[in-house]
Amino acid sequence: MSISKGVGDNFCSQFNIVNLSMFPVSKTSMYLTLPLKITLLVLTLTIAACDAPDKIPVPQTDDTIQSLNAGYGILHATLRDEHHLKTIRLAKTIVMLKSVTEPTSRIIDDIAQTSSAALDELEKLAPLSPEIMLDENNEGQIERAIRDALRITTAKELFTSKEDFEVILLSSQLQALRILSHLASELHEIETNNSRKVWLNTLSDQFEKLYLRVLSRLKIA
């Protein structure tokens, strides 16, 4: 049972002064009719509800929906880029006739696999209420221009590099994984759908662990 703020507080202040325990049950029960017993029960439950902490739901405003759509648009686009990592690694191996080291290959393939699975899950969760739009164009024009420029620069560095390809590949992942980890964490804070909220928390942890693996590997490479 819940009581609206203001009205509830006034109601509680009036009835909290009632102490039913001052009447021994054995002496009063014989005078209580059924309607009166029900009334006292309702009052008791109402007083108990007054002491319970209020649970205020997170409001789903237009600004929140806009922020969610923009954030999810970036998340979807970045996951889509990341799930191609294994293909990029293999393509570069064919061109160079030389593969990156096995430890780096395992990390890169794990990132690609995690991103691919996350991409599928995100597309399944998107239609849940409130529905989110996985459109990269939801982000601002400047933000999109920056992301496009970074994509082009990173791709150019990866496919024109020779001896330092492995280091450049790992370095590019430090940036991408940190973005994914923090973006998932920020979306988690404003998300109101419980299924997506739980998933975002797990996703942030997954990419943070991958980030630490890349960082550790880069110190050795």
C-alpha atoms as a PDB file:
ATOM      1  CA  MET A   1       0.000   0.000   0.000  1.00  0.00           C
ATOM      2  CA  SER A   2       1.384   3.420  -0.895  1.00  0.00           C
ATOM      3  CA  ILE A   3       0.424   6.940   0.111  1.00  0.00           C
ATOM      4  CA  SER A   4       1.009  10.042  -1.974  1.00  0.00           C
ATOM      5  CA  LYS A   5       3.557  12.524  -0.654  1.00  0.00           C
ATOM      6  CA  GLY A   6       2.045  15.318   1.426  1.00  0.00           C
ATOM      7  CA  VAL A   7      -1.303  13.678   1.976  1.00  0.00           C
ATOM      8  CA  GLY A   8       0.441  10.547   3.230  1.00  0.00           C
ATOM      9  CA  ASP A   9       2.723  12.455   5.563  1.00  0.00           C
ATOM     10  CA  ASN A  10      -0.225  14.307   7.134  1.00  0.00           C
ATOM     11  CA  PHE A  11      -2.163  11.056   7.472  1.00  0.00           C
ATOM     12  CA  CYS A  12       0.778   9.314   9.103  1.00  0.00           C
ATOM     13  CA  SER A  13       1.382  12.139  11.556  1.00  0.00           C
ATOM     14  CA  GLN A  14      -2.169  11.849  12.767  1.00  0.00           C
ATOM     15  CA  PHE A  15      -2.298   8.078  13.220  1.00  0.00           C
ATOM     16  CA  ASN A  16       1.242   7.444  14.496  1.00  0.00           C
ATOM     17  CA  ILE A  17       0.020   8.728  17.854  1.00  0.00           C
ATOM     18  CA  VAL A  18      -2.300   5.719  18.077  1.00  0.00           C
ATOM     19  CA  ASN A  19      -0.858   2.924  20.177  1.00  0.00           C
ATOM     20  CA  LEU A  20      -3.095  -0.120  19.857  1.00  0.00           C
ATOM     21  CA  SER A  21      -0.925  -2.101  22.252  1.00  0.00           C
ATOM     22  CA  MET A  22      -2.321  -0.089  25.150  1.00  0.00           C
ATOM     23  CA  PHE A  23      -5.455  -2.248  24.866  1.00  0.00           C
ATOM     24  CA  PRO A  24      -4.784  -5.904  25.835  1.00  0.00           C
ATOM     25  CA  VAL A  25      -6.134  -8.141  23.085  1.00  0.00           C
ATOM     26  CA  SER A  26      -7.851 -10.419  25.562  1.00  0.00           C
ATOM     27  CA  LYS A  27      -9.951  -7.540  26.906  1.00  0.00           C
ATOM     28  CA  THR A  28     -10.742  -5.722  23.666  1.00  0.00           C
ATOM     29  CA  SER A  29     -11.326  -8.490  21.139  1.00  0.00           C
ATOM     30  CA  MET A  30     -14.769  -9.224  22.568  1.00  0.00           C
ATOM     31  CA  TYR A  31     -15.881  -5.649  21.758  1.00  0.00           C
ATOM     32  CA  LEU A  32     -14.509  -5.551  18.160  1.00  0.00           C
ATOM     33  CA  THR A  33     -16.990  -6.239  15.414  1.00  0.00           C
ATOM     34  CA  LEU A  34     -15.733  -7.608  12.080  1.00  0.00           C
ATOM     35  CA  PRO A  35     -15.948  -4.216  10.279  1.00  0.00           C
ATOM     36  CA  LEU A  36     -14.024  -2.575  13.112  1.00  0.00           C
ATOM     37  CA  LYS A  37     -11.365  -5.286  13.021  1.00  0.00           C
ATOM     38  CA  ILE A  38     -10.925  -4.729   9.288  1.00  0.00           C
ATOM     39  CA  THR A  39     -10.680  -0.970   9.824  1.00  0.00           C
ATOM     40  CA  LEU A  40      -7.985  -1.412  12.466  1.00  0.00           C
ATOM     41  CA  LEU A  41      -6.079  -3.801  10.189  1.00  0.00           C
ATOM     42  CA  VAL A  42      -6.122  -1.264   7.356  1.00  0.00           C
ATOM     43  CA  LEU A  43      -4.913   1.456   9.721  1.00  0.00           C
ATOM     44  CA  THR A  44      -2.098  -0.777  10.978  1.00  0.00           C
ATOM     45  CA  LEU A  45      -0.926  -1.541   7.429  1.00  0.00           C
ATOM     46  CA  THR A  46      -1.195   2.130   6.508  1.00  0.00           C
ATOM     47  CA  ILE A  47       0.963   3.179   9.468  1.00  0.00           C
ATOM     48  CA  ALA A  48       3.542   0.523   8.531  1.00  0.00           C
ATOM     49  CA  ALA A  49       3.590   1.858   4.986  1.00  0.00           C
ATOM     50  CA  CYS A  50       4.337   5.335   6.314  1.00  0.00           C
ATOM     51  CA  ASP A  51       7.620   4.060   7.762  1.00  0.00           C
ATOM     52  CA  ALA A  52       8.680   2.325   4.523  1.00  0.00           C
ATOM     53  CA  PRO A  53      11.140   4.224   2.266  1.00  0.00           C
ATOM     54  CA  ASP A  54       9.663   5.652  -0.917  1.00  0.00           C
ATOM     55  CA  LYS A  55      10.745   4.096  -4.226  1.00  0.00           C
ATOM     56  CA  ILE A  56      10.760   6.809  -6.832  1.00  0.00           C
ATOM     57  CA  PRO A  57      11.038   5.492 -10.432  1.00  0.00           C
ATOM     58  CA  VAL A  58      13.498   7.123 -12.812  1.00  0.00           C
ATOM     59  CA  PRO A  59      11.470   9.451 -15.054  1.00  0.00           C
ATOM     60  CA  GLN A  60      11.595   8.616 -18.754  1.00  0.00           C
ATOM     61  CA  THR A  61      11.872  12.134 -20.208  1.00  0.00           C
ATOM     62  CA  ASP A  62      12.384  13.105 -23.845  1.00  0.00           C
ATOM     63  CA  ASP A  63      15.976  14.113 -23.011  1.00  0.00           C
ATOM     64  CA  THR A  64      16.634  10.694 -21.484  1.00  0.00           C
ATOM     65  CA  ILE A  65      15.249   8.897 -24.538  1.00  0.00           C
ATOM     66  CA  GLN A  66      17.323  11.099 -26.821  1.00  0.00           C
ATOM     67  CA  SER A  67      20.460  10.393 -24.788  1.00  0.00           C
ATOM     68  CA  LEU A  68      19.759   6.650 -24.813  1.00  0.00           C
ATOM     69  CA  ASN A  69      19.252   6.607 -28.579  1.00  0.00           C
ATOM     70  CA  ALA A  70      22.439   8.575 -29.182  1.00  0.00           C
ATOM     71  CA  GLY A  71      24.455   6.373 -26.824  1.00  0.00           C
ATOM     72  CA  TYR A  72      23.088   3.132 -28.207  1.00  0.00           C
ATOM     73  CA  GLY A  73      23.727   4.355 -31.741  1.00  0.00           C
ATOM     74  CA  ILE A  74      27.419   4.819 -30.927  1.00  0.00           C
ATOM     75  CA  LEU A  75      27.543   1.505 -29.057  1.00  0.00           C
ATOM     76  CA  HIS A  76      25.994  -0.366 -31.982  1.00  0.00           C
ATOM     77  CA  ALA A  77      28.340   1.221 -34.519  1.00  0.00           C
ATOM     78  CA  THR A  78      31.445   0.545 -32.406  1.00  0.00           C
ATOM     79  CA  LEU A  79      30.477  -3.082 -31.791  1.00  0.00           C
ATOM     80  CA  ARG A  80      29.933  -3.487 -35.516  1.00  0.00           C
ATOM     81  CA  ASP A  81      33.455  -2.181 -36.178  1.00  0.00           C
ATOM     82  CA  GLU A  82      35.001  -4.373 -33.497  1.00  0.00           C
ATOM     83  CA  HIS A  83      33.427  -7.613 -34.633  1.00  0.00           C
ATOM     84  CA  HIS A  84      35.408  -7.285 -37.902  1.00  0.00           C
ATOM     85  CA  LEU A  85      38.751  -7.382 -36.052  1.00  0.00           C
ATOM     86  CA  LYS A  86      39.473 -11.018 -36.813  1.00  0.00           C
ATOM     87  CA  THR A  87      38.867 -10.401 -40.515  1.00  0.00           C
ATOM     88  CA  ILE A  88      41.237  -7.423 -40.431  1.00  0.00           C
ATOM     89  CA  ARG A  89      43.909  -9.494 -38.702  1.00  0.00           C
ATOM     90  CA  LEU A  90      43.602 -12.327 -41.238  1.00  0.00           C
ATOM     91  CA  ALA A  91      43.557  -9.944 -44.208  1.00  0.00           C
ATOM     92  CA  LYS A  92      46.704  -8.214 -42.993  1.00  0.00           C
ATOM     93  CA  THR A  93      48.358 -11.605 -42.470  1.00  0.00           C
ATOM     94  CA  ILE A  94      47.690 -12.531 -46.105  1.00  0.00           C
ATOM     95  CA  VAL A  95      49.092  -9.216 -47.351  1.00  0.00           C
ATOM     96  CA  MET A  96      52.183  -9.306 -45.127  1.00  0.00           C
ATOM     97  CA  LEU A  97      52.671 -13.068 -45.336  1.00  0.00           C
ATOM     98  CA  LYS A  98      53.354 -12.796 -41.629  1.00  0.00           C
ATOM     99  CA  SER A  99      50.974 -13.190 -38.715  1.00  0.00           C
ATOM    100  CA  VAL A 100      50.921 -11.354 -35.404  1.00  0.00           C
ATOM    101  CA  THR A 101      52.062 -13.293 -32.371  1.00  0.00           C
ATOM    102  CA  GLU A 102      49.789 -15.968 -30.951  1.00  0.00           C
ATOM    103  CA  PRO A 103      48.996 -14.139 -27.666  1.00  0.00           C
ATOM    104  CA  THR A 104      47.912 -11.052 -29.608  1.00  0.00           C
ATOM    105  CA  SER A 105      45.864 -13.169 -32.022  1.00  0.00           C
ATOM    106  CA  ARG A 106      43.954 -14.692 -29.106  1.00  0.00           C
ATOM    107  CA  ILE A 107      43.169 -11.282 -27.627  1.00  0.00           C
ATOM    108  CA  ILE A 108      42.054  -9.803 -30.953  1.00  0.00           C
ATOM    109  CA  ASP A 109      39.852 -12.819 -31.701  1.00  0.00           C
ATOM    110  CA  ASP A 110      38.311 -12.651 -28.203  1.00  0.00           C
ATOM    111  CA  ILE A 111      37.476  -8.982 -28.744  1.00  0.00           C
ATOM    112  CA  ALA A 112      35.871  -9.786 -32.094  1.00  0.00           C
ATOM    113  CA  GLN A 113      33.878 -12.682 -30.638  1.00  0.00           C
ATOM    114  CA  THR A 114      32.704 -10.662 -27.617  1.00  0.00           C
ATOM    115  CA  SER A 115      31.686  -7.763 -29.866  1.00  0.00           C
ATOM    116  CA  SER A 116      29.800 -10.050 -32.242  1.00  0.00           C
ATOM    117  CA  ALA A 117      27.857 -11.651 -29.380  1.00  0.00           C
ATOM    118  CA  ALA A 118      27.138  -8.222 -27.868  1.00  0.00           C
ATOM    119  CA  LEU A 119      25.921  -6.942 -31.228  1.00  0.00           C
ATOM    120  CA  ASP A 120      23.416  -9.795 -31.514  1.00  0.00           C
ATOM    121  CA  GLU A 121      22.210  -9.315 -27.940  1.00  0.00           C
ATOM    122  CA  LEU A 122      21.822  -5.559 -28.372  1.00  0.00           C
ATOM    123  CA  GLU A 123      19.640  -6.045 -31.443  1.00  0.00           C
ATOM    124  CA  LYS A 124      17.455  -8.475 -29.455  1.00  0.00           C
ATOM    125  CA  LEU A 125      17.102  -6.065 -26.516  1.00  0.00           C
ATOM    126  CA  ALA A 126      16.460  -2.933 -28.589  1.00  0.00           C
ATOM    127  CA  PRO A 127      12.701  -3.538 -29.178  1.00  0.00           C
ATOM    128  CA  LEU A 128      11.984  -3.897 -25.444  1.00  0.00           C
ATOM    129  CA  SER A 129      10.025  -1.075 -23.833  1.00  0.00           C
ATOM    130  CA  PRO A 130      11.028   1.696 -24.023  1.00  0.00           C
ATOM    131  CA  GLU A 131      12.220   0.850 -27.539  1.00  0.00           C
ATOM    132  CA  ILE A 132      15.625   2.224 -28.530  1.00  0.00           C
ATOM    133  CA  MET A 133      16.836   3.197 -31.988  1.00  0.00           C
ATOM    134  CA  LEU A 134      20.154   1.715 -33.110  1.00  0.00           C
ATOM    135  CA  ASP A 135      20.913   4.472 -35.579  1.00  0.00           C
ATOM    136  CA  GLU A 136      24.381   5.928 -35.710  1.00  0.00           C
ATOM    137  CA  ASN A 137      22.868   9.159 -37.029  1.00  0.00           C
ATOM    138  CA  ASN A 138      21.317   9.757 -33.594  1.00  0.00           C
ATOM    139  CA  GLU A 139      24.625  11.247 -32.474  1.00  0.00           C
ATOM    140  CA  GLY A 140      25.507  14.844 -33.247  1.00  0.00           C
ATOM    141  CA  GLN A 141      27.103  15.916 -36.499  1.00  0.00           C
ATOM    142  CA  ILE A 142      30.418  16.835 -34.865  1.00  0.00           C
ATOM    143  CA  GLU A 143      30.605  13.582 -32.905  1.00  0.00           C
ATOM    144  CA  ARG A 144      29.896  11.567 -36.044  1.00  0.00           C
ATOM    145  CA  ALA A 145      32.536  13.496 -38.005  1.00  0.00           C
ATOM    146  CA  ILE A 146      35.127  12.780 -35.300  1.00  0.00           C
ATOM    147  CA  ARG A 147      34.276   9.063 -35.270  1.00  0.00           C
ATOM    148  CA  ASP A 148      34.467   8.853 -39.071  1.00  0.00           C
ATOM    149  CA  ALA A 149      37.842  10.604 -39.069  1.00  0.00           C
ATOM    150  CA  LEU A 150      39.167   8.194 -36.428  1.00  0.00           C
ATOM    151  CA  ARG A 151      37.963   5.221 -38.464  1.00  0.00           C
ATOM    152  CA  ILE A 152      39.750   6.430 -41.581  1.00  0.00           C
ATOM    153  CA  THR A 153      42.960   7.254 -39.717  1.00  0.00           C
ATOM    154  CA  THR A 154      43.025   3.921 -37.885  1.00  0.00           C
ATOM    155  CA  ALA A 155      42.298   1.938 -41.057  1.00  0.00           C
ATOM    156  CA  LYS A 156      45.062   3.778 -42.915  1.00  0.00           C
ATOM    157  CA  GLU A 157      47.577   3.113 -40.144  1.00  0.00           C
ATOM    158  CA  LEU A 158      46.645  -0.570 -39.955  1.00  0.00           C
ATOM    159  CA  PHE A 159      46.849  -1.301 -43.669  1.00  0.00           C
ATOM    160  CA  THR A 160      49.946   0.769 -44.441  1.00  0.00           C
ATOM    161  CA  SER A 161      51.997  -0.309 -41.440  1.00  0.00           C
ATOM    162  CA  LYS A 162      54.600  -3.029 -41.785  1.00  0.00           C
ATOM    163  CA  GLU A 163      56.815  -3.899 -38.860  1.00  0.00           C
ATOM    164  CA  ASP A 164      54.710  -2.091 -36.249  1.00  0.00           C
ATOM    165  CA  PHE A 165      51.307  -3.524 -37.299  1.00  0.00           C
ATOM    166  CA  GLU A 166      50.855  -5.513 -34.075  1.00  0.00           C
ATOM    167  CA  VAL A 167      51.581  -2.510 -31.853  1.00  0.00           C
ATOM    168  CA  ILE A 168      49.230  -0.261 -33.844  1.00  0.00           C
ATOM    169  CA  LEU A 169      46.502  -2.908 -33.732  1.00  0.00           C
ATOM    170  CA  LEU A 170      46.799  -3.275 -29.956  1.00  0.00           C
ATOM    171  CA  SER A 171      46.962   0.503 -29.454  1.00  0.00           C
ATOM    172  CA  SER A 172      43.774   1.019 -31.459  1.00  0.00           C
ATOM    173  CA  GLN A 173      42.018  -1.435 -29.160  1.00  0.00           C
ATOM    174  CA  LEU A 174      42.988   0.465 -26.031  1.00  0.00           C
ATOM    175  CA  GLN A 175      40.923   3.374 -27.305  1.00  0.00           C
ATOM    176  CA  ALA A 176      37.988   1.311 -28.618  1.00  0.00           C
ATOM    177  CA  LEU A 177      37.674  -0.912 -25.547  1.00  0.00           C
ATOM    178  CA  ARG A 178      37.821   1.993 -23.121  1.00  0.00           C
ATOM    179  CA  ILE A 179      35.074   3.759 -25.094  1.00  0.00           C
ATOM    180  CA  LEU A 180      32.910   0.624 -25.043  1.00  0.00           C
ATOM    181  CA  SER A 181      33.433   0.026 -21.328  1.00  0.00           C
ATOM    182  CA  HIS A 182      32.628   3.574 -20.266  1.00  0.00           C
ATOM    183  CA  LEU A 183      29.783   3.983 -22.756  1.00  0.00           C
ATOM    184  CA  ALA A 184      28.081   0.840 -21.430  1.00  0.00           C
ATOM    185  CA  SER A 185      28.554   2.121 -17.877  1.00  0.00           C
ATOM    186  CA  GLU A 186      27.033   5.526 -18.669  1.00  0.00           C
ATOM    187  CA  LEU A 187      24.070   3.962 -20.485  1.00  0.00           C
ATOM    188  CA  HIS A 188      23.553   1.693 -17.481  1.00  0.00           C
ATOM    189  CA  GLU A 189      23.054   4.760 -15.263  1.00  0.00           C
ATOM    190  CA  ILE A 190      20.159   6.196 -17.296  1.00  0.00           C
ATOM    191  CA  GLU A 191      18.621   2.974 -18.637  1.00  0.00           C
ATOM    192  CA  THR A 192      15.174   2.156 -17.209  1.00  0.00           C
ATOM    193  CA  ASN A 193      14.636  -1.252 -18.808  1.00  0.00           C
ATOM    194  CA  ASN A 194      15.908  -3.833 -16.326  1.00  0.00           C
ATOM    195  CA  SER A 195      16.982  -6.425 -18.928  1.00  0.00           C
ATOM    196  CA  ARG A 196      19.126  -3.912 -20.803  1.00  0.00           C
ATOM    197  CA  LYS A 197      20.420  -2.457 -17.532  1.00  0.00           C
ATOM    198  CA  VAL A 198      21.724  -5.838 -16.339  1.00  0.00           C
ATOM    199  CA  TRP A 199      23.230  -6.557 -19.746  1.00  0.00           C
ATOM    200  CA  LEU A 200      25.006  -3.183 -19.881  1.00  0.00           C
ATOM    201  CA  ASN A 201      26.619  -3.796 -16.501  1.00  0.00           C
ATOM    202  CA  THR A 202      27.961  -7.160 -17.698  1.00  0.00           C
ATOM    203  CA  LEU A 203      29.103  -5.661 -20.996  1.00  0.00           C
ATOM    204  CA  SER A 204      31.052  -2.897 -19.270  1.00  0.00           C
ATOM    205  CA  ASP A 205      32.896  -5.472 -17.152  1.00  0.00           C
ATOM    206  CA  GLN A 206      33.681  -7.640 -20.191  1.00  0.00           C
ATOM    207  CA  PHE A 207      35.257  -4.817 -22.163  1.00  0.00           C
ATOM    208  CA  GLU A 208      37.149  -3.494 -19.150  1.00  0.00           C
ATOM    209  CA  LYS A 209      38.753  -6.923 -18.699  1.00  0.00           C
ATOM    210  CA  LEU A 210      39.642  -7.040 -22.399  1.00  0.00           C
ATOM    211  CA  TYR A 211      41.141  -3.554 -22.075  1.00  0.00           C
ATOM    212  CA  LEU A 212      43.400  -4.724 -19.254  1.00  0.00           C
ATOM    213  CA  ARG A 213      44.484  -7.732 -21.318  1.00  0.00           C
ATOM    214  CA  VAL A 214      45.412  -5.479 -24.241  1.00  0.00           C
ATOM    215  CA  LEU A 215      47.247  -3.074 -21.957  1.00  0.00           C
ATOM    216  CA  SER A 216      49.239  -5.920 -20.428  1.00  0.00           C
ATOM    217  CA  ARG A 217      50.050  -7.338 -23.848  1.00  0.00           C
ATOM    218  CA  LEU A 218      51.089  -3.972 -25.246  1.00  0.00           C
ATOM    219  CA  LYS A 219      53.706  -3.614 -22.510  1.00  0.00           C
ATOM    220  CA  ILE A 220      55.308  -6.829 -23.781  1.00  0.00           C
ATOM    221  CA  ALA A 221      54.877  -6.416 -27.531  1.00  0.00           C
END
